[in-house]
Structures are given as C-alpha cells and as structure tokens.
Amino acid sequence: MSSILIVEDEPIIANGLAAMINSIDSKINITITGYAKEALRYAEDINYDIFLLDIQLKDYSGFELAKEIRNIDNYKLTPIVFITAVPTRELMTFKEIHCYDYIVKPFKEETVKTILETIINYGVVKEQEVYLKLKQKEYTYFVKQDEIIYIESQSRKIFVTTIREQIELSTYTLSQLLKELNPNFIQCHKGYIINVNYIEKVDKANNDIYMKGAEFPVSIGRKYRDFIRGNLKWD
C-alpha cells in the first residue's frame, strides 16, 4: 500500500489534495501536516512513497524541508511535488533538489490528478524532460520546453509564455533562444517563435496563427510565409 505525506498549512488545500488522491486510489495512506519539523518526524517513522510540499510553511521553507528529506537515505529518489502560489522562483528547485513536478495554487483538479496518477500508478517513469535554461539577474529558470506556447520579442524584452505563466527576460534574443529549442519550435514572425503543438488554427486570409491558451493570434511575417506553408502543410 502506498503512503503519501502532504505538508500544507492551509487545511482546505490539504484536504482537497487528499480527496483527489483518494479518488485515484482509496487505499493510499495519507498523512497531513502543516509543519516541516513534524513532517521530518513522520518521514523517519513511516516509509513514504510521495511527498507533496508547500513552499511557504509555518515554521520554515519547503525548500529546506526538501533538502532535509533528500538527506535521508530512503528518500534520495522519492518523488517530491512542490505546491506553490508563485512558480517563477521555484523553477530553480528542479536542478537543486530534483523536484519531480510542481502544482500552482489555485490549481485545477485535472492538472493535479494527471501528475499524481502518473506517480501513483506507474512510479517516476516519465520520459526525460527537455528544459530551457534561462538566466535573469539573480534567478535561473528551468522551463519545460513542451509547456512553452510561444515566445515574443517586444521593446527589447523577451516574453516566454507557458501553460503556467509568462516570464519576462531582458538578456536574450529570439535567434539565441531558437538555437536552444527543440524542433517543435519555429519562427513565424520577426517577433515570434511558436510551439507547433499548440497551434489551434491558421487564418490564411489574415496571416494569423491561433494558439491554444493565447488571448490573441500570432502574426505570420511576410518573409516567413513560405517557410510556414512548408512546415505546417499550409496550402
């Protein structure tokens, strides 16, 4: 029987996560606490298969708790999923603490269940994720490439729009980023790079591409039209 430790100091959120877990598998053992020190005591006494850790805890940071969990021999590779309301800074933890994934508050049930079902039913068997490493002042972001919808260049700034957030950068150009991205990304305008997996439809008459999750269409630049026609099989 699997055991999960939820470390979350907001009871409504903790109980909501527990209910989602129970809907996946009612036999799972679930422990809930809002304190890092108590969580460490539980971790020593019970062998947990998954940790759900809030970043902002009552006694100290969820980051520090994750590091201490990793120092316990049994938990060197145990999946850790962070719960956070501000995802930008927390992306650094993927490299530092080997975080499996993160949940952004307020979260959607289907998103949480997709993450947890994979771990609960199959363990950590996801294909190796490909990340885009972005440095901005004192922060380093590790962004999953398959979550990037499009990248825009505007007023000497770069805006990376993902399914979770938008990241603003000032030290990159589109051409630099295009070299780091996988083949699913193409440039369709001097100011845009798009992920073809998020294309909803192409408006041939107005030379616009509609992207899933985007509020407005992305323009196709004149010099890119032949290239787009060839790559998107746009007749």
C-alpha atoms as a PDB file:
ATOM      1  CA  MET A   1       0.000   0.000   0.000  1.00  0.00           C
ATOM      2  CA  SER A   2       1.400   3.428  -0.979  1.00  0.00           C
ATOM      3  CA  SER A   3       1.864   6.234   1.525  1.00  0.00           C
ATOM      4  CA  ILE A   4       1.833   9.967   0.770  1.00  0.00           C
ATOM      5  CA  LEU A   5       2.838  12.837   3.046  1.00  0.00           C
ATOM      6  CA  ILE A   6       1.106  16.173   2.384  1.00  0.00           C
ATOM      7  CA  VAL A   7       2.865  19.126   4.024  1.00  0.00           C
ATOM      8  CA  GLU A   8       0.480  22.067   3.576  1.00  0.00           C
ATOM      9  CA  ASP A   9      -0.580  24.604   6.217  1.00  0.00           C
ATOM     10  CA  GLU A  10      -3.863  25.548   4.543  1.00  0.00           C
ATOM     11  CA  PRO A  11      -6.378  22.857   5.630  1.00  0.00           C
ATOM     12  CA  ILE A  12      -8.718  23.442   2.682  1.00  0.00           C
ATOM     13  CA  ILE A  13      -5.922  22.846   0.191  1.00  0.00           C
ATOM     14  CA  ALA A  14      -4.500  19.878   2.108  1.00  0.00           C
ATOM     15  CA  ASN A  15      -7.895  18.198   2.397  1.00  0.00           C
ATOM     16  CA  GLY A  16      -8.635  18.923  -1.258  1.00  0.00           C
ATOM     17  CA  LEU A  17      -5.402  17.210  -2.302  1.00  0.00           C
ATOM     18  CA  ALA A  18      -6.204  14.255  -0.047  1.00  0.00           C
ATOM     19  CA  ALA A  19      -9.635  13.916  -1.671  1.00  0.00           C
ATOM     20  CA  MET A  20      -8.059  13.911  -5.150  1.00  0.00           C
ATOM     21  CA  ILE A  21      -5.600  11.217  -4.082  1.00  0.00           C
ATOM     22  CA  ASN A  22      -8.419   9.118  -2.630  1.00  0.00           C
ATOM     23  CA  SER A  23     -10.309   9.410  -5.908  1.00  0.00           C
ATOM     24  CA  ILE A  24      -7.286   7.901  -7.680  1.00  0.00           C
ATOM     25  CA  ASP A  25      -6.790   5.124  -5.117  1.00  0.00           C
ATOM     26  CA  SER A  26      -8.815   4.917  -1.900  1.00  0.00           C
ATOM     27  CA  LYS A  27      -6.309   2.516  -0.328  1.00  0.00           C
ATOM     28  CA  ILE A  28      -3.452   5.024  -0.236  1.00  0.00           C
ATOM     29  CA  ASN A  29      -2.229   6.018   3.225  1.00  0.00           C
ATOM     30  CA  ILE A  30      -2.286   9.824   3.540  1.00  0.00           C
ATOM     31  CA  THR A  31      -0.639  11.872   6.302  1.00  0.00           C
ATOM     32  CA  ILE A  32      -1.236  15.642   6.546  1.00  0.00           C
ATOM     33  CA  THR A  33       0.747  18.209   8.496  1.00  0.00           C
ATOM     34  CA  GLY A  34       1.353  21.949   8.201  1.00  0.00           C
ATOM     35  CA  TYR A  35       4.773  21.906   9.876  1.00  0.00           C
ATOM     36  CA  ALA A  36       8.155  20.953   8.440  1.00  0.00           C
ATOM     37  CA  LYS A  37       9.568  19.655  11.721  1.00  0.00           C
ATOM     38  CA  GLU A  38       6.591  17.374  12.202  1.00  0.00           C
ATOM     39  CA  ALA A  39       6.922  16.210   8.593  1.00  0.00           C
ATOM     40  CA  LEU A  40      10.523  15.157   9.230  1.00  0.00           C
ATOM     41  CA  ARG A  41       9.447  13.153  12.269  1.00  0.00           C
ATOM     42  CA  TYR A  42       6.799  11.406  10.168  1.00  0.00           C
ATOM     43  CA  ALA A  43       9.343  10.727   7.424  1.00  0.00           C
ATOM     44  CA  GLU A  44      11.640   8.996   9.899  1.00  0.00           C
ATOM     45  CA  ASP A  45       8.855   6.782  11.279  1.00  0.00           C
ATOM     46  CA  ILE A  46       6.898   5.963   8.095  1.00  0.00           C
ATOM     47  CA  ASN A  47       8.212   4.962   4.675  1.00  0.00           C
ATOM     48  CA  TYR A  48       6.549   7.426   2.257  1.00  0.00           C
ATOM     49  CA  ASP A  49       6.334   6.916  -1.494  1.00  0.00           C
ATOM     50  CA  ILE A  50       5.485  10.522  -2.448  1.00  0.00           C
ATOM     51  CA  PHE A  51       5.889  13.939  -0.798  1.00  0.00           C
ATOM     52  CA  LEU A  52       3.661  16.953  -1.563  1.00  0.00           C
ATOM     53  CA  LEU A  53       5.372  20.001  -0.054  1.00  0.00           C
ATOM     54  CA  ASP A  54       4.110  23.552   0.201  1.00  0.00           C
ATOM     55  CA  ILE A  55       6.856  26.126  -0.395  1.00  0.00           C
ATOM     56  CA  GLN A  56       5.655  28.526   2.338  1.00  0.00           C
ATOM     57  CA  LEU A  57       5.287  26.654   5.636  1.00  0.00           C
ATOM     58  CA  LYS A  58       4.615  27.914   9.144  1.00  0.00           C
ATOM     59  CA  ASP A  59       7.994  27.013  10.607  1.00  0.00           C
ATOM     60  CA  TYR A  60      10.380  27.150   7.617  1.00  0.00           C
ATOM     61  CA  SER A  61      10.749  26.885   3.871  1.00  0.00           C
ATOM     62  CA  GLY A  62       9.541  23.872   1.943  1.00  0.00           C
ATOM     63  CA  PHE A  63      12.855  24.108   0.045  1.00  0.00           C
ATOM     64  CA  GLU A  64      14.764  23.428   3.247  1.00  0.00           C
ATOM     65  CA  LEU A  65      12.403  20.611   4.138  1.00  0.00           C
ATOM     66  CA  ALA A  66      13.004  19.004   0.724  1.00  0.00           C
ATOM     67  CA  LYS A  67      16.771  19.207   1.213  1.00  0.00           C
ATOM     68  CA  GLU A  68      16.483  17.511   4.604  1.00  0.00           C
ATOM     69  CA  ILE A  69      14.264  14.797   3.128  1.00  0.00           C
ATOM     70  CA  ARG A  70      16.874  14.176   0.427  1.00  0.00           C
ATOM     71  CA  ASN A  71      19.481  13.727   3.193  1.00  0.00           C
ATOM     72  CA  ILE A  72      17.556  10.691   4.456  1.00  0.00           C
ATOM     73  CA  ASP A  73      18.904   7.593   2.674  1.00  0.00           C
ATOM     74  CA  ASN A  74      15.444   6.137   1.948  1.00  0.00           C
ATOM     75  CA  TYR A  75      14.348   9.273   0.088  1.00  0.00           C
ATOM     76  CA  LYS A  76      17.215  10.020  -2.296  1.00  0.00           C
ATOM     77  CA  LEU A  77      14.947   9.374  -5.312  1.00  0.00           C
ATOM     78  CA  THR A  78      11.451   9.573  -3.796  1.00  0.00           C
ATOM     79  CA  PRO A  79       9.156  11.836  -5.883  1.00  0.00           C
ATOM     80  CA  ILE A  80       8.716  15.318  -4.410  1.00  0.00           C
ATOM     81  CA  VAL A  81       5.977  17.588  -5.799  1.00  0.00           C
ATOM     82  CA  PHE A  82       6.027  21.216  -4.683  1.00  0.00           C
ATOM     83  CA  ILE A  83       2.881  23.251  -4.034  1.00  0.00           C
ATOM     84  CA  THR A  84       3.334  26.959  -4.741  1.00  0.00           C
ATOM     85  CA  ALA A  85       1.433  30.152  -5.490  1.00  0.00           C
ATOM     86  CA  VAL A  86       4.439  31.825  -7.201  1.00  0.00           C
ATOM     87  CA  PRO A  87       6.101  29.423  -9.665  1.00  0.00           C
ATOM     88  CA  THR A  88       8.826  31.590 -11.218  1.00  0.00           C
ATOM     89  CA  ARG A  89      11.453  31.427  -8.463  1.00  0.00           C
ATOM     90  CA  GLU A  90      10.586  27.856  -7.597  1.00  0.00           C
ATOM     91  CA  LEU A  91      11.645  26.559 -11.011  1.00  0.00           C
ATOM     92  CA  MET A  92      15.227  26.586  -9.703  1.00  0.00           C
ATOM     93  CA  THR A  93      14.387  23.617  -7.483  1.00  0.00           C
ATOM     94  CA  PHE A  94      14.219  21.166 -10.391  1.00  0.00           C
ATOM     95  CA  LYS A  95      18.007  21.133 -10.597  1.00  0.00           C
ATOM     96  CA  GLU A  96      18.847  21.816  -6.964  1.00  0.00           C
ATOM     97  CA  ILE A  97      16.506  19.353  -5.207  1.00  0.00           C
ATOM     98  CA  HIS A  98      15.492  17.029  -8.063  1.00  0.00           C
ATOM     99  CA  CYS A  99      11.854  18.002  -7.781  1.00  0.00           C
ATOM    100  CA  TYR A 100       9.537  15.740  -9.787  1.00  0.00           C
ATOM    101  CA  ASP A 101       6.978  18.451 -10.605  1.00  0.00           C
ATOM    102  CA  TYR A 102       5.110  21.379  -9.071  1.00  0.00           C
ATOM    103  CA  ILE A 103       1.475  22.393  -8.534  1.00  0.00           C
ATOM    104  CA  VAL A 104       0.475  26.055  -8.789  1.00  0.00           C
ATOM    105  CA  LYS A 105      -2.224  27.451  -6.476  1.00  0.00           C
ATOM    106  CA  PRO A 106      -5.081  27.854  -7.218  1.00  0.00           C
ATOM    107  CA  PHE A 107      -4.796  24.554  -9.056  1.00  0.00           C
ATOM    108  CA  LYS A 108      -7.122  22.687 -11.381  1.00  0.00           C
ATOM    109  CA  GLU A 109      -8.167  19.213 -10.299  1.00  0.00           C
ATOM    110  CA  GLU A 110      -7.372  17.623 -13.660  1.00  0.00           C
ATOM    111  CA  THR A 111      -3.813  19.032 -13.573  1.00  0.00           C
ATOM    112  CA  VAL A 112      -3.144  17.678 -10.094  1.00  0.00           C
ATOM    113  CA  LYS A 113      -4.656  14.282 -10.852  1.00  0.00           C
ATOM    114  CA  THR A 114      -2.593  13.910 -14.029  1.00  0.00           C
ATOM    115  CA  ILE A 115       0.630  14.497 -12.075  1.00  0.00           C
ATOM    116  CA  LEU A 116      -0.311  12.224  -9.175  1.00  0.00           C
ATOM    117  CA  GLU A 117      -1.833   9.415 -11.250  1.00  0.00           C
ATOM    118  CA  THR A 118       1.440   9.003 -13.137  1.00  0.00           C
ATOM    119  CA  ILE A 119       3.435   8.629  -9.921  1.00  0.00           C
ATOM    120  CA  ILE A 120       0.875   6.523  -8.055  1.00  0.00           C
ATOM    121  CA  ASN A 121       0.145   4.111 -10.891  1.00  0.00           C
ATOM    122  CA  TYR A 122       3.495   3.884 -12.638  1.00  0.00           C
ATOM    123  CA  GLY A 123       6.152   5.498 -10.452  1.00  0.00           C
ATOM    124  CA  VAL A 124       8.536   8.046 -11.935  1.00  0.00           C
ATOM    125  CA  VAL A 125       8.629   6.783 -15.496  1.00  0.00           C
ATOM    126  CA  LYS A 126       8.138   9.984 -17.469  1.00  0.00           C
ATOM    127  CA  GLU A 127      10.428  10.452 -20.425  1.00  0.00           C
ATOM    128  CA  GLN A 128      13.387  12.716 -19.805  1.00  0.00           C
ATOM    129  CA  GLU A 129      12.032  16.238 -19.835  1.00  0.00           C
ATOM    130  CA  VAL A 130      13.775  18.810 -22.015  1.00  0.00           C
ATOM    131  CA  TYR A 131      14.233  22.124 -20.258  1.00  0.00           C
ATOM    132  CA  LEU A 132      15.093  25.599 -21.492  1.00  0.00           C
ATOM    133  CA  LYS A 133      17.566  27.172 -19.062  1.00  0.00           C
ATOM    134  CA  LEU A 134      17.030  30.923 -18.718  1.00  0.00           C
ATOM    135  CA  LYS A 135      19.091  33.299 -16.593  1.00  0.00           C
ATOM    136  CA  GLN A 136      17.689  36.619 -15.429  1.00  0.00           C
ATOM    137  CA  LYS A 137      19.577  38.652 -12.828  1.00  0.00           C
ATOM    138  CA  GLU A 138      19.813  36.524  -9.663  1.00  0.00           C
ATOM    139  CA  TYR A 139      17.366  33.862 -10.907  1.00  0.00           C
ATOM    140  CA  THR A 140      17.805  30.834 -13.122  1.00  0.00           C
ATOM    141  CA  TYR A 141      14.660  29.335 -14.613  1.00  0.00           C
ATOM    142  CA  PHE A 142      14.327  25.756 -15.874  1.00  0.00           C
ATOM    143  CA  VAL A 143      11.272  25.768 -18.136  1.00  0.00           C
ATOM    144  CA  LYS A 144       9.859  22.594 -19.664  1.00  0.00           C
ATOM    145  CA  GLN A 145      10.022  23.132 -23.423  1.00  0.00           C
ATOM    146  CA  ASP A 146       6.826  21.203 -24.074  1.00  0.00           C
ATOM    147  CA  GLU A 147       4.962  23.687 -21.820  1.00  0.00           C
ATOM    148  CA  ILE A 148       6.043  26.757 -23.825  1.00  0.00           C
ATOM    149  CA  ILE A 149       3.245  28.055 -26.085  1.00  0.00           C
ATOM    150  CA  TYR A 150       5.097  30.909 -27.769  1.00  0.00           C
ATOM    151  CA  ILE A 151       7.940  33.388 -27.248  1.00  0.00           C
ATOM    152  CA  GLU A 152       7.564  37.066 -28.117  1.00  0.00           C
ATOM    153  CA  SER A 153      10.139  39.815 -28.631  1.00  0.00           C
ATOM    154  CA  GLN A 154       8.867  43.298 -27.814  1.00  0.00           C
ATOM    155  CA  SER A 155      10.586  46.565 -26.874  1.00  0.00           C
ATOM    156  CA  ARG A 156      13.951  44.841 -26.366  1.00  0.00           C
ATOM    157  CA  LYS A 157      12.411  42.332 -23.987  1.00  0.00           C
ATOM    158  CA  ILE A 158      11.572  38.673 -24.392  1.00  0.00           C
ATOM    159  CA  PHE A 159       8.318  37.200 -23.057  1.00  0.00           C
ATOM    160  CA  VAL A 160       8.152  33.420 -22.683  1.00  0.00           C
ATOM    161  CA  THR A 161       4.501  32.355 -22.400  1.00  0.00           C
ATOM    162  CA  THR A 162       3.905  28.875 -20.984  1.00  0.00           C
ATOM    163  CA  ILE A 163       0.803  26.976 -19.912  1.00  0.00           C
ATOM    164  CA  ARG A 164       1.574  28.086 -16.345  1.00  0.00           C
ATOM    165  CA  GLU A 165       2.958  31.628 -16.512  1.00  0.00           C
ATOM    166  CA  GLN A 166       4.717  34.336 -18.506  1.00  0.00           C
ATOM    167  CA  ILE A 167       8.415  35.007 -17.885  1.00  0.00           C
ATOM    168  CA  GLU A 168       9.944  38.373 -18.803  1.00  0.00           C
ATOM    169  CA  LEU A 169      13.612  38.479 -19.835  1.00  0.00           C
ATOM    170  CA  SER A 170      15.961  41.219 -20.939  1.00  0.00           C
ATOM    171  CA  THR A 171      19.165  39.359 -21.827  1.00  0.00           C
ATOM    172  CA  TYR A 172      18.144  37.215 -24.813  1.00  0.00           C
ATOM    173  CA  THR A 173      17.180  37.460 -28.469  1.00  0.00           C
ATOM    174  CA  LEU A 174      14.797  35.195 -30.374  1.00  0.00           C
ATOM    175  CA  SER A 175      17.636  33.867 -32.517  1.00  0.00           C
ATOM    176  CA  GLN A 176      19.583  32.846 -29.399  1.00  0.00           C
ATOM    177  CA  LEU A 177      16.584  31.009 -27.945  1.00  0.00           C
ATOM    178  CA  LEU A 178      15.697  29.301 -31.219  1.00  0.00           C
ATOM    179  CA  LYS A 179      19.091  27.532 -31.151  1.00  0.00           C
ATOM    180  CA  GLU A 180      18.270  26.063 -27.720  1.00  0.00           C
ATOM    181  CA  LEU A 181      14.727  24.921 -28.551  1.00  0.00           C
ATOM    182  CA  ASN A 182      13.635  21.545 -29.905  1.00  0.00           C
ATOM    183  CA  PRO A 183      12.331  21.080 -33.495  1.00  0.00           C
ATOM    184  CA  ASN A 184       8.716  21.721 -32.424  1.00  0.00           C
ATOM    185  CA  PHE A 185       9.509  25.448 -32.350  1.00  0.00           C
ATOM    186  CA  ILE A 186       9.525  27.614 -35.467  1.00  0.00           C
ATOM    187  CA  GLN A 187       9.830  31.329 -36.058  1.00  0.00           C
ATOM    188  CA  CYS A 188       6.782  32.728 -37.845  1.00  0.00           C
ATOM    189  CA  HIS A 189       7.488  36.455 -37.467  1.00  0.00           C
ATOM    190  CA  LYS A 190      10.468  38.632 -36.573  1.00  0.00           C
ATOM    191  CA  GLY A 191       8.850  38.996 -33.147  1.00  0.00           C
ATOM    192  CA  TYR A 192       7.508  35.456 -32.526  1.00  0.00           C
ATOM    193  CA  ILE A 193       8.580  31.863 -32.056  1.00  0.00           C
ATOM    194  CA  ILE A 194       5.745  29.358 -31.677  1.00  0.00           C
ATOM    195  CA  ASN A 195       5.408  25.763 -30.494  1.00  0.00           C
ATOM    196  CA  VAL A 196       3.604  23.954 -33.311  1.00  0.00           C
ATOM    197  CA  ASN A 197       1.989  21.567 -30.806  1.00  0.00           C
ATOM    198  CA  TYR A 198      -0.176  24.444 -29.523  1.00  0.00           C
ATOM    199  CA  ILE A 199      -1.493  25.626 -32.903  1.00  0.00           C
ATOM    200  CA  GLU A 200      -5.285  25.709 -32.887  1.00  0.00           C
ATOM    201  CA  LYS A 201      -5.882  27.035 -36.404  1.00  0.00           C
ATOM    202  CA  VAL A 202      -4.266  29.062 -39.179  1.00  0.00           C
ATOM    203  CA  ASP A 203      -6.135  32.023 -40.647  1.00  0.00           C
ATOM    204  CA  LYS A 204      -4.784  32.120 -44.204  1.00  0.00           C
ATOM    205  CA  ALA A 205      -6.698  35.238 -45.210  1.00  0.00           C
ATOM    206  CA  ASN A 206      -5.261  37.371 -42.403  1.00  0.00           C
ATOM    207  CA  ASN A 207      -1.954  35.536 -41.977  1.00  0.00           C
ATOM    208  CA  ASP A 208      -2.612  34.759 -38.326  1.00  0.00           C
ATOM    209  CA  ILE A 209      -1.972  31.673 -36.210  1.00  0.00           C
ATOM    210  CA  TYR A 210      -4.277  30.973 -33.267  1.00  0.00           C
ATOM    211  CA  MET A 211      -2.536  29.277 -30.358  1.00  0.00           C
ATOM    212  CA  LYS A 212      -4.176  27.245 -27.585  1.00  0.00           C
ATOM    213  CA  GLY A 213      -4.169  29.202 -24.344  1.00  0.00           C
ATOM    214  CA  ALA A 214      -3.272  32.510 -26.038  1.00  0.00           C
ATOM    215  CA  GLU A 215      -5.582  35.531 -25.876  1.00  0.00           C
ATOM    216  CA  PHE A 216      -4.691  36.840 -29.335  1.00  0.00           C
ATOM    217  CA  PRO A 217      -3.451  35.396 -32.643  1.00  0.00           C
ATOM    218  CA  VAL A 218       0.219  35.400 -33.612  1.00  0.00           C
ATOM    219  CA  SER A 219       1.015  37.125 -36.912  1.00  0.00           C
ATOM    220  CA  ILE A 220       2.848  35.433 -39.756  1.00  0.00           C
ATOM    221  CA  GLY A 221       5.534  37.732 -41.138  1.00  0.00           C
ATOM    222  CA  ARG A 222       5.807  38.148 -44.901  1.00  0.00           C
ATOM    223  CA  LYS A 223       9.342  36.730 -45.104  1.00  0.00           C
ATOM    224  CA  TYR A 224       8.264  33.643 -43.110  1.00  0.00           C
ATOM    225  CA  ARG A 225       5.125  32.730 -45.094  1.00  0.00           C
ATOM    226  CA  ASP A 226       6.769  30.270 -47.493  1.00  0.00           C
ATOM    227  CA  PHE A 227       8.587  28.612 -44.611  1.00  0.00           C
ATOM    228  CA  ILE A 228       5.363  28.340 -42.583  1.00  0.00           C
ATOM    229  CA  ARG A 229       3.452  26.928 -45.556  1.00  0.00           C
ATOM    230  CA  GLY A 230       6.087  24.226 -45.968  1.00  0.00           C
ATOM    231  CA  ASN A 231       6.368  23.320 -42.306  1.00  0.00           C
ATOM    232  CA  LEU A 232       2.671  23.457 -41.427  1.00  0.00           C
ATOM    233  CA  LYS A 233       1.467  21.969 -44.724  1.00  0.00           C
ATOM    234  CA  TRP A 234      -0.490  25.196 -45.198  1.00  0.00           C
ATOM    235  CA  ASP A 235      -1.886  25.234 -48.753  1.00  0.00           C
END
